[in-house]
Every structure is written in structure tokens, then in C-alpha cells.
Amino acid sequence: MSFYSTNTGRNSNRGWASRGVSRFPVTDDSLSKEQLLSNTGDVVATFALPEDPAAKTEELVRDFQQLSSYSWVDAPHPKIIVPGSPPIWTPAQLPFTLSQDRGRSYADYHAHRLPIHPLLSIVTAVLHSQSVTSDPKLKAFKFSSLDIVASRNVLRKLLRWIQGGSDIRDFRIDVDLVGETVLLTRREAQTEYKSSGYGKSFEKAMTSHDPIETGHHRIVAYTLDGVRLLVRAEMDACLRPDAFDIPPLGDPLPDHAPVAEASAASSSLTPGFEVVSGGFLIAQSQTIELKSRSRTTWDPARHSRVNNAFSWEKTQHHVLGWHERGTFTAIESETLDQLGQRAEGQAQQGNLCSLAKVLRSLIEVVKKHGERTLLTLVCEGGLLTLRRRLDRTNGALPQELHPLFKI
């Protein structure tokens, strides 16, 4: 069953009403109306919220496979280390006080470093890992087996739209069809913004990392209720390689494999994009997501810890630091299984089922229009529409990589 209606006119969204979703004001980091609709044409489909799904007893996420990882390097030109080195969990002793985040942070580091093809690093890292691995499953992986390629941020935007409520913001996702695979590229108002809060300071206090690396990302493939996805997600931290549980607060930095650079391979697809070998691939059981929350501003009615942290890419440990004006007095940690057993976690299963339905509907309508039609998914005031995209200068990937999705 499809959850969209086709449209023939640019103004076909007039008079639309959604289920429990209202228009929200544009915030400083939200896309303006001009940015939302820049270089777009007619609306070709309008998506409806799926009805609340019936509870499913079977596992929604199956066939999980970690394919690669990489770290960005602080360098004048775009450069990644594969598999790279994530920050290692080495937390400070409670209580501790941190300064508020300062300087600039990145809303989308990939678009900042690779503005023409932000998804290029995903494919490049996987190809690099395939070229050096002895794992037959990794070598056998084919991009043509995928239904969707996206960042975790894209999926979270769609999930927030499904959930409704006050967390919905306008967003734009550019859509490309290559072979039978739909590529989803996030578009932000700006790739960097002024830092605020304590999130980055908290991450630095709880981890140790190589100073030349500026962000670590995992690339995983899995099937979500029948939809095969390749997803890139940032990893905040990892347990030390010889650990099985989160160590006590204040443990010293463990010895770990240094990043040893091998021969650097400049990408002919994007001049100046450099890929080097180094680091170590982290086991799934060692992955950590870090969050900080203010006791003075936290509103349980508006925010759900599970909704923010429950990861369908199967991050195993979720750490939450509580503070009052920068003084951290408590740190909670839960495993993925513990989060899933909560009522919120069980409700999230229904939301993920709805997400799969929306993705299936999106795939259906995109394939009807074919590879030659560029499209853009726009959420404005809670209305989710698919529009024609008029600017053909930038695609999700260079044309030279398209054959990978057709064999």
C-alpha cells in the first residue's frame, strides 16, 4: 500500500491538513523557504503519515553488516583514514565542570569538505575496505543490492516527521536514482554554525582521541523491515579493544593501535580527495553514543531519551551525562537491549516500521520517474512532498561510480 498521492501542480499542497502536525517557526539553523525550494519545480507526490502499525514480533532490523569506517583528517584538502580511529572511552572523574562549547561546529562535515558529492566518502571507504580485506562477505558486497543509501541524519529527519510533535523542523533531502538504488543527500542551511551548549566539551572530557582526526564514521548495511539500506553514522566513542563493559570512571587511557599511514591514494573522481590506510576497525559490541542533558532545561514531555539515542545501526552503549550549568554530577549508561526493553523503545519499533513504509513509498514513486529525473524531498510546515529538482550540476555521486550500482 502506498502512502503518497501524485500531484500535477506546483501549488498542489494548498489546503493540506496533516494528522496532528502543525506549522512551526523557522529557527536560526533551519532552512529558509528560499533554501527549501531553491531549484525545485512541480510537486510530483505528497506523502501521508502511515497509520499506526500493528505490533510486530519479528526483528525489524536484519542482515546487519559493518562494512567500513573512516576518520576525517584535519588537513587543507579533503582526507580520510580508513578504517580510522574513533575516540576511546576514558571518562573524567565525577563531579567535573566544563566550559560551554565555543568556536564553530559542523552541521554537515561531509558537505563542508565534499560539497559537490557529500556521499562520495561512503562509497570510497567501502571500496577501500574491500580492496584490503580477506573477509569473503565484505568482498562479496554489491552496491546494486541496496534500496537506499543515506546518512543517519536523513533517517532521523524522516523519523521525527513520523513521530510528529514539537521537534519537527523543515528539511530538504535531495533524491537521486542510480540503477535501482535511491540515494538521499541531506541539505542544511549552512554546513557550520556557532557552537553552544556542552555537548562537544562533554565528548572531549569523556574520551581520548588522535588530535589529527576530526570525526569518526561507521558505514553499515542492514535490512529494515524489507528495505535494504547502506547508512553512514558518526561514532562518538568506543570501548578500549580489551574491554567488555564500560570501565569505571577515571580509568587511564589504554594502550591501543596507533594510526599507521600506508600509501596514500588520491581519488581521481574528486581531485584532492585523499584516502589513506590506518587505524583499527571497532567491534559492534564496543560502540558508544554520548549525549549530555541539562537538568534545568530537560523536558520529558518534549524529549525522549530513547528517541534521541535508540540507534537502528545498533550502537551498543548509550551514555547520558547530566549537568547543571556545566557541572556534571551523574552519568547514566544503558545497553541497546536495555533501551529496547523500555516502553519508549518498544514504541520506537512501531516508528521504525512506519519509516520502512515511507521509504518503500518513496522508492516506488522515484522509480516511476526514472534515473533521468532529479528529485527533492521537502518537509515544510509538516507537509512532506517530492518535487522535481532543476539543478543538474551536482549529483549524489560522480558519474564514474554509477556502474557500481548496476552490476
Protein backbone atom coordinates (compact mmCIF):
# COMPACT_ATOMS: atom_id res chain seq x y z
CA MET A 1 0.00 0.00 0.00
CA SER A 2 1.38 3.43 -0.96
CA PHE A 3 1.43 6.35 1.45
CA TYR A 4 1.66 9.09 -1.16
CA SER A 5 -0.56 10.83 -3.70
CA THR A 6 0.65 12.08 -7.06
CA ASN A 7 0.38 15.76 -7.89
CA THR A 8 0.42 17.73 -11.10
CA GLY A 9 0.88 21.32 -10.00
CA ARG A 10 3.41 23.43 -8.16
CA ASN A 11 0.78 24.59 -5.67
CA SER A 12 -0.84 21.23 -5.03
CA ASN A 13 -0.03 21.48 -1.31
CA ARG A 14 -2.60 24.22 -0.72
CA GLY A 15 -5.22 23.32 1.85
CA TRP A 16 -3.43 20.16 3.01
CA ALA A 17 -4.00 19.06 6.60
CA SER A 18 -1.88 16.53 8.46
CA ARG A 19 -2.56 14.24 11.39
CA GLY A 20 -1.56 16.19 14.48
CA VAL A 21 1.21 18.18 12.77
CA SER A 22 1.24 21.98 12.67
CA ARG A 23 3.44 24.63 11.08
CA PHE A 24 6.49 25.58 13.16
CA PRO A 25 8.53 28.80 13.00
CA VAL A 26 11.86 28.74 11.22
CA THR A 27 14.76 28.76 13.69
CA ASP A 28 18.25 30.16 13.09
CA ASP A 29 19.60 26.82 11.88
CA SER A 30 16.52 25.91 9.84
CA LEU A 31 16.36 26.16 6.09
CA SER A 32 14.66 29.31 4.82
CA LYS A 33 11.80 28.97 2.36
CA GLU A 34 14.17 30.05 -0.41
CA GLN A 35 16.67 27.33 0.56
CA LEU A 36 13.94 24.71 0.88
CA LEU A 37 12.61 25.33 -2.62
CA SER A 38 15.73 26.53 -4.44
CA ASN A 39 15.98 24.99 -7.93
CA THR A 40 12.84 22.90 -7.42
CA GLY A 41 9.82 22.62 -9.68
CA ASP A 42 6.46 20.91 -9.58
CA VAL A 43 5.32 18.68 -6.74
CA VAL A 44 5.14 15.11 -8.06
CA ALA A 45 3.97 13.38 -4.85
CA THR A 46 2.70 14.18 -1.37
CA PHE A 47 3.39 11.72 1.43
CA ALA A 48 0.91 10.89 4.16
CA LEU A 49 1.74 9.68 7.62
CA PRO A 50 1.26 5.90 7.82
CA GLU A 51 -1.42 4.66 10.16
CA ASP A 52 -0.13 3.34 13.47
CA PRO A 53 1.36 -0.05 12.57
CA ALA A 54 0.33 -3.28 14.18
CA ALA A 55 2.89 -4.63 16.61
CA LYS A 56 5.44 -6.96 15.03
CA THR A 57 7.02 -9.79 16.91
CA GLU A 58 9.83 -10.43 14.44
CA GLU A 59 13.07 -8.48 14.37
CA LEU A 60 12.75 -5.34 12.23
CA VAL A 61 16.49 -4.91 11.61
CA ARG A 62 18.09 -7.93 9.97
CA ASP A 63 21.16 -8.92 7.95
CA PHE A 64 23.31 -6.36 9.75
CA GLN A 65 26.81 -5.93 8.31
CA GLN A 66 29.54 -3.48 9.27
CA LEU A 67 31.31 -2.66 6.02
CA SER A 68 33.81 0.06 6.78
CA SER A 69 34.66 3.09 8.87
CA TYR A 70 36.79 6.18 8.46
CA SER A 71 38.04 9.27 10.22
CA TRP A 72 38.34 12.72 8.73
CA VAL A 73 41.80 14.27 8.98
CA ASP A 74 42.39 17.90 9.83
CA ALA A 75 44.14 18.82 6.58
CA PRO A 76 43.96 21.59 3.96
CA HIS A 77 42.38 19.20 1.46
CA PRO A 78 39.68 16.50 1.98
CA LYS A 79 41.39 13.46 3.52
CA ILE A 80 40.11 10.35 5.31
CA ILE A 81 41.81 7.47 7.13
CA VAL A 82 40.24 4.03 6.60
CA PRO A 83 39.23 2.38 8.92
CA GLY A 84 40.36 5.24 11.15
CA SER A 85 40.37 5.53 14.93
CA PRO A 86 37.35 6.58 16.99
CA PRO A 87 37.77 8.39 20.32
CA ILE A 88 38.34 5.94 23.20
CA TRP A 89 36.24 5.96 26.37
CA THR A 90 38.45 7.49 29.11
CA PRO A 91 35.99 9.47 31.24
CA ALA A 92 36.76 12.18 33.76
CA GLN A 93 36.12 11.60 37.45
CA LEU A 94 32.78 12.94 38.73
CA PRO A 95 31.91 15.64 39.54
CA PHE A 96 33.52 17.93 36.98
CA THR A 97 32.73 21.31 35.48
CA LEU A 98 33.13 22.13 31.80
CA SER A 99 33.22 25.37 29.87
CA GLN A 100 30.46 25.96 27.36
CA ASP A 101 31.22 24.96 23.78
CA ARG A 102 32.90 27.70 21.78
CA GLY A 103 34.00 28.28 18.22
CA ARG A 104 32.38 26.63 15.21
CA SER A 105 30.78 23.22 14.86
CA TYR A 106 29.68 21.41 11.74
CA ALA A 107 26.09 20.63 10.85
CA ASP A 108 27.33 18.50 7.94
CA TYR A 109 31.09 18.00 7.80
CA HIS A 110 30.83 15.92 4.63
CA ALA A 111 29.08 18.70 2.72
CA HIS A 112 31.67 21.12 4.12
CA ARG A 113 34.64 19.06 2.83
CA LEU A 114 32.98 17.46 -0.23
CA PRO A 115 30.28 19.96 -1.24
CA ILE A 116 29.75 18.58 -4.75
CA HIS A 117 29.35 14.90 -3.78
CA PRO A 118 28.74 14.54 0.01
CA LEU A 119 28.07 10.78 -0.29
CA LEU A 120 31.39 10.11 -2.03
CA SER A 121 33.24 9.20 1.18
CA ILE A 122 30.76 6.36 1.86
CA VAL A 123 31.45 4.57 -1.40
CA THR A 124 35.17 5.35 -1.36
CA ALA A 125 35.64 3.94 2.15
CA VAL A 126 33.75 0.73 1.34
CA LEU A 127 35.75 0.21 -1.86
CA HIS A 128 38.98 0.77 0.06
CA SER A 129 37.97 -1.76 2.74
CA GLN A 130 37.03 -4.31 0.09
CA SER A 131 40.43 -3.90 -1.57
CA VAL A 132 42.37 -4.82 1.59
CA THR A 133 40.08 -7.32 3.36
CA SER A 134 40.23 -11.10 3.47
CA ASP A 135 36.60 -11.28 4.67
CA PRO A 136 34.63 -13.07 1.93
CA LYS A 137 31.33 -11.45 2.99
CA LEU A 138 32.78 -7.96 2.67
CA LYS A 139 34.38 -8.78 -0.67
CA ALA A 140 31.03 -10.12 -1.92
CA PHE A 141 29.10 -6.96 -1.00
CA LYS A 142 27.49 -5.26 -4.01
CA PHE A 143 26.14 -1.71 -4.10
CA SER A 144 23.49 -2.89 -6.55
CA SER A 145 21.88 -4.92 -3.73
CA LEU A 146 20.81 -1.72 -1.95
CA ASP A 147 17.46 0.05 -1.92
CA ILE A 148 18.63 3.19 -0.07
CA VAL A 149 21.93 4.97 0.61
CA ALA A 150 21.75 7.71 3.25
CA SER A 151 23.27 9.23 6.35
CA ARG A 152 21.71 8.50 9.74
CA ASN A 153 20.72 12.17 9.93
CA VAL A 154 18.44 11.75 6.92
CA LEU A 155 16.67 8.81 8.53
CA ARG A 156 16.29 10.70 11.81
CA LYS A 157 14.68 13.63 9.98
CA LEU A 158 12.12 11.29 8.46
CA LEU A 159 11.59 9.57 11.80
CA ARG A 160 10.88 12.89 13.53
CA TRP A 161 8.33 13.69 10.82
CA ILE A 162 6.65 10.35 11.51
CA GLN A 163 6.62 10.94 15.26
CA GLY A 164 5.18 14.45 14.94
CA GLY A 165 5.21 16.82 17.89
CA SER A 166 7.24 19.94 18.53
CA ASP A 167 10.59 18.53 17.35
CA ILE A 168 9.63 18.71 13.66
CA ARG A 169 11.67 21.17 11.62
CA ASP A 170 11.56 21.96 7.95
CA PHE A 171 14.12 19.95 6.00
CA ARG A 172 15.28 19.17 2.49
CA ILE A 173 16.73 15.91 1.16
CA ASP A 174 17.91 15.66 -2.45
CA VAL A 175 16.95 12.38 -4.14
CA ASP A 176 18.82 10.58 -6.93
CA LEU A 177 18.12 7.21 -8.54
CA VAL A 178 21.14 5.22 -9.71
CA GLY A 179 20.24 1.81 -11.10
CA GLU A 180 17.65 0.50 -8.64
CA THR A 181 19.10 2.37 -5.64
CA VAL A 182 17.77 5.64 -4.20
CA LEU A 183 20.47 8.00 -2.90
CA LEU A 184 19.39 10.50 -0.23
CA THR A 185 21.54 13.59 0.42
CA ARG A 186 20.81 15.97 3.30
CA ARG A 187 20.83 19.71 2.65
CA GLU A 188 21.38 22.09 5.56
CA ALA A 189 21.00 25.85 5.89
CA GLN A 190 24.74 26.02 6.49
CA THR A 191 27.44 23.39 6.93
CA GLU A 192 28.87 25.04 10.06
CA TYR A 193 27.40 27.02 12.93
CA LYS A 194 28.35 28.72 16.18
CA SER A 195 28.80 26.18 18.97
CA SER A 196 26.59 26.28 22.05
CA GLY A 197 25.73 24.03 24.97
CA TYR A 198 28.13 21.47 26.44
CA GLY A 199 27.92 18.54 24.01
CA LYS A 200 31.37 18.85 22.42
CA SER A 201 33.06 19.65 25.74
CA PHE A 202 31.41 16.59 27.27
CA GLU A 203 32.67 14.34 24.47
CA LYS A 204 36.22 15.64 24.93
CA ALA A 205 36.08 15.11 28.71
CA MET A 206 34.90 11.52 28.32
CA THR A 207 37.29 10.38 25.59
CA SER A 208 40.83 10.49 24.26
CA HIS A 209 41.48 10.76 20.55
CA ASP A 210 44.13 11.35 17.93
CA PRO A 211 44.39 15.16 17.55
CA ILE A 212 44.70 14.99 13.76
CA GLU A 213 41.29 13.31 13.40
CA THR A 214 38.12 15.40 13.42
CA GLY A 215 35.29 12.88 13.29
CA HIS A 216 34.81 9.12 13.02
CA HIS A 217 32.07 7.47 10.95
CA ARG A 218 30.86 3.90 10.51
CA ILE A 219 29.25 2.51 7.38
CA VAL A 220 26.78 -0.30 7.93
CA ALA A 221 24.28 -2.19 5.81
CA TYR A 222 21.08 -3.74 7.12
CA THR A 223 17.54 -4.60 6.13
CA LEU A 224 14.81 -2.56 7.83
CA ASP A 225 11.50 -4.41 7.50
CA GLY A 226 12.37 -5.47 3.96
CA VAL A 227 14.20 -2.29 2.86
CA ARG A 228 17.95 -2.77 2.30
CA LEU A 229 19.94 0.27 3.46
CA LEU A 230 23.53 1.48 3.46
CA VAL A 231 23.91 4.06 6.24
CA ARG A 232 26.71 6.31 7.42
CA ALA A 233 26.65 7.26 11.11
CA GLU A 234 29.06 9.19 13.30
CA MET A 235 30.51 7.21 16.21
CA ASP A 236 31.12 9.28 19.34
CA ALA A 237 33.41 6.82 21.13
CA CYS A 238 34.37 3.20 21.63
CA LEU A 239 35.43 0.93 24.46
CA ARG A 240 39.10 0.09 24.56
CA PRO A 241 39.77 -3.02 22.47
CA ASP A 242 40.27 -5.29 25.52
CA ALA A 243 37.16 -4.09 27.38
CA PHE A 244 33.76 -5.77 27.52
CA ASP A 245 31.99 -3.26 29.75
CA ILE A 246 32.22 0.46 30.23
CA PRO A 247 35.19 0.83 32.60
CA PRO A 248 34.93 2.71 35.90
CA LEU A 249 35.14 6.48 35.75
CA GLY A 250 38.71 7.74 35.85
CA ASP A 251 40.41 4.76 34.18
CA PRO A 252 43.63 5.81 32.42
CA LEU A 253 43.97 5.82 28.66
CA PRO A 254 44.61 2.24 27.48
CA ASP A 255 47.26 1.27 25.01
CA HIS A 256 45.76 0.94 21.56
CA ALA A 257 46.88 0.57 17.99
CA PRO A 258 48.35 3.78 16.59
CA VAL A 259 47.25 5.15 13.26
CA ALA A 260 49.88 3.97 10.80
CA GLU A 261 49.59 5.65 7.43
CA ALA A 262 50.12 3.46 4.40
CA SER A 263 50.34 4.57 0.80
CA ALA A 264 48.00 7.47 0.14
CA ALA A 265 45.65 7.13 -2.80
CA SER A 266 44.31 10.38 -4.22
CA SER A 267 40.84 9.96 -5.70
CA SER A 268 40.69 10.60 -9.42
CA LEU A 269 36.95 11.13 -9.01
CA THR A 270 37.39 14.20 -6.83
CA PRO A 271 40.78 15.89 -7.30
CA GLY A 272 42.48 16.44 -3.97
CA PHE A 273 40.37 13.87 -2.08
CA GLU A 274 42.89 11.61 -0.35
CA VAL A 275 42.37 8.17 1.23
CA VAL A 276 44.99 6.55 3.47
CA SER A 277 45.07 3.27 5.38
CA GLY A 278 45.36 3.33 9.15
CA GLY A 279 43.62 2.82 12.46
CA PHE A 280 41.55 -0.15 13.58
CA LEU A 281 38.04 -1.43 12.93
CA ILE A 282 35.90 -1.40 16.07
CA ALA A 283 33.72 -4.37 17.01
CA GLN A 284 30.00 -3.70 17.21
CA SER A 285 30.00 -4.52 20.93
CA GLN A 286 32.40 -1.62 21.63
CA THR A 287 30.46 1.25 20.06
CA ILE A 288 29.28 4.15 22.24
CA GLU A 289 26.91 7.07 21.73
CA LEU A 290 27.37 10.08 24.04
CA LYS A 291 24.74 12.66 24.97
CA SER A 292 24.59 15.45 27.53
CA ARG A 293 21.45 16.90 29.11
CA SER A 294 20.77 19.90 31.32
CA ARG A 295 18.66 19.19 34.40
CA THR A 296 17.35 22.76 34.27
CA THR A 297 16.05 22.65 30.69
CA TRP A 298 15.22 18.97 30.15
CA ASP A 299 11.53 18.47 29.37
CA PRO A 300 10.44 14.80 29.40
CA ALA A 301 7.18 15.74 27.69
CA ARG A 302 9.07 17.06 24.65
CA HIS A 303 12.11 14.80 24.56
CA SER A 304 12.58 11.09 24.80
CA ARG A 305 15.99 9.67 25.60
CA VAL A 306 15.16 6.59 23.57
CA ASN A 307 14.05 8.64 20.59
CA ASN A 308 17.33 10.52 20.61
CA ALA A 309 19.62 7.60 21.34
CA PHE A 310 17.88 4.45 20.11
CA SER A 311 20.05 3.54 17.14
CA TRP A 312 18.94 1.24 14.37
CA GLU A 313 22.59 1.00 13.37
CA LYS A 314 22.97 -0.95 16.63
CA THR A 315 25.27 1.26 18.70
CA GLN A 316 25.65 -0.91 21.79
CA HIS A 317 26.28 1.53 24.65
CA HIS A 318 24.38 4.76 25.28
CA VAL A 319 25.90 7.19 27.79
CA LEU A 320 24.00 10.20 29.11
CA GLY A 321 25.67 12.91 31.19
CA TRP A 322 23.52 15.16 33.40
CA HIS A 323 24.67 18.66 34.30
CA GLU A 324 23.55 21.92 35.82
CA ARG A 325 25.13 24.88 34.05
CA GLY A 326 28.13 22.79 33.04
CA THR A 327 28.72 20.92 36.31
CA PHE A 328 28.28 17.21 35.60
CA THR A 329 27.16 15.18 38.61
CA ALA A 330 25.75 11.97 37.12
CA ILE A 331 26.43 9.73 34.16
CA GLU A 332 23.99 7.01 33.14
CA SER A 333 24.79 4.19 30.75
CA GLU A 334 22.48 1.65 29.15
CA THR A 335 22.95 -1.02 26.55
CA LEU A 336 20.94 -1.21 23.37
CA ASP A 337 18.99 -4.16 24.77
CA GLN A 338 18.10 -2.22 27.92
CA LEU A 339 16.84 0.73 25.89
CA GLY A 340 14.79 -1.57 23.69
CA GLN A 341 13.03 -3.08 26.70
CA ARG A 342 11.65 0.29 27.79
CA ALA A 343 8.14 1.26 26.79
CA GLU A 344 9.67 4.06 24.71
CA GLY A 345 11.94 1.59 22.99
CA GLN A 346 9.00 -0.64 22.15
CA ALA A 347 7.11 2.35 20.75
CA GLN A 348 10.15 3.16 18.64
CA GLN A 349 9.78 -0.22 16.96
CA GLY A 350 6.44 0.96 15.60
CA ASN A 351 8.03 4.18 14.37
CA LEU A 352 10.75 2.22 12.58
CA CYS A 353 8.08 0.09 10.92
CA SER A 354 6.42 3.31 9.72
CA LEU A 355 9.78 4.58 8.49
CA ALA A 356 10.19 1.46 6.37
CA LYS A 357 6.72 2.06 4.86
CA VAL A 358 7.60 5.65 3.98
CA LEU A 359 10.88 4.52 2.40
CA ARG A 360 9.07 1.90 0.33
CA SER A 361 6.61 4.54 -0.90
CA LEU A 362 9.48 6.89 -1.73
CA ILE A 363 11.32 4.18 -3.66
CA GLU A 364 8.15 3.37 -5.59
CA VAL A 365 7.49 6.92 -6.78
CA VAL A 366 11.17 7.67 -7.50
CA LYS A 367 11.47 4.59 -9.71
CA LYS A 368 8.36 5.63 -11.64
CA HIS A 369 10.15 8.81 -12.66
CA GLY A 370 13.41 7.05 -13.56
CA GLU A 371 17.08 7.93 -13.37
CA ARG A 372 16.86 10.98 -15.61
CA THR A 373 14.52 12.82 -13.24
CA LEU A 374 16.23 14.53 -10.31
CA LEU A 375 14.01 14.97 -7.27
CA THR A 376 13.99 16.66 -3.88
CA LEU A 377 12.11 15.69 -0.73
CA VAL A 378 10.86 18.79 1.12
CA CYS A 379 9.24 18.97 4.54
CA GLU A 380 7.67 22.39 5.07
CA GLY A 381 5.33 23.03 7.97
CA GLY A 382 4.83 19.29 8.44
CA LEU A 383 3.93 18.70 4.77
CA LEU A 384 6.24 16.16 3.09
CA THR A 385 6.37 16.49 -0.69
CA LEU A 386 8.55 15.23 -3.51
CA ARG A 387 9.44 17.86 -6.10
CA ARG A 388 11.34 17.96 -9.36
CA ARG A 389 14.90 19.25 -8.97
CA LEU A 390 16.00 21.60 -11.73
CA ASP A 391 19.73 21.93 -10.95
CA ARG A 392 21.61 19.09 -12.66
CA THR A 393 25.13 20.28 -11.80
CA ASN A 394 25.53 18.25 -8.60
CA GLY A 395 24.61 14.62 -8.11
CA ALA A 396 24.94 12.45 -5.04
CA LEU A 397 27.91 10.64 -6.62
CA PRO A 398 30.23 11.16 -9.60
CA GLN A 399 29.03 9.53 -12.81
CA GLU A 400 32.11 7.29 -12.77
CA LEU A 401 30.74 5.45 -9.72
CA HIS A 402 27.25 4.83 -11.09
CA PRO A 403 28.17 1.47 -12.70
CA LEU A 404 28.77 0.06 -9.19
CA PHE A 405 25.02 0.24 -8.62
CA LYS A 406 24.17 -1.59 -11.84
CA ILE A 407 26.20 -4.82 -11.54
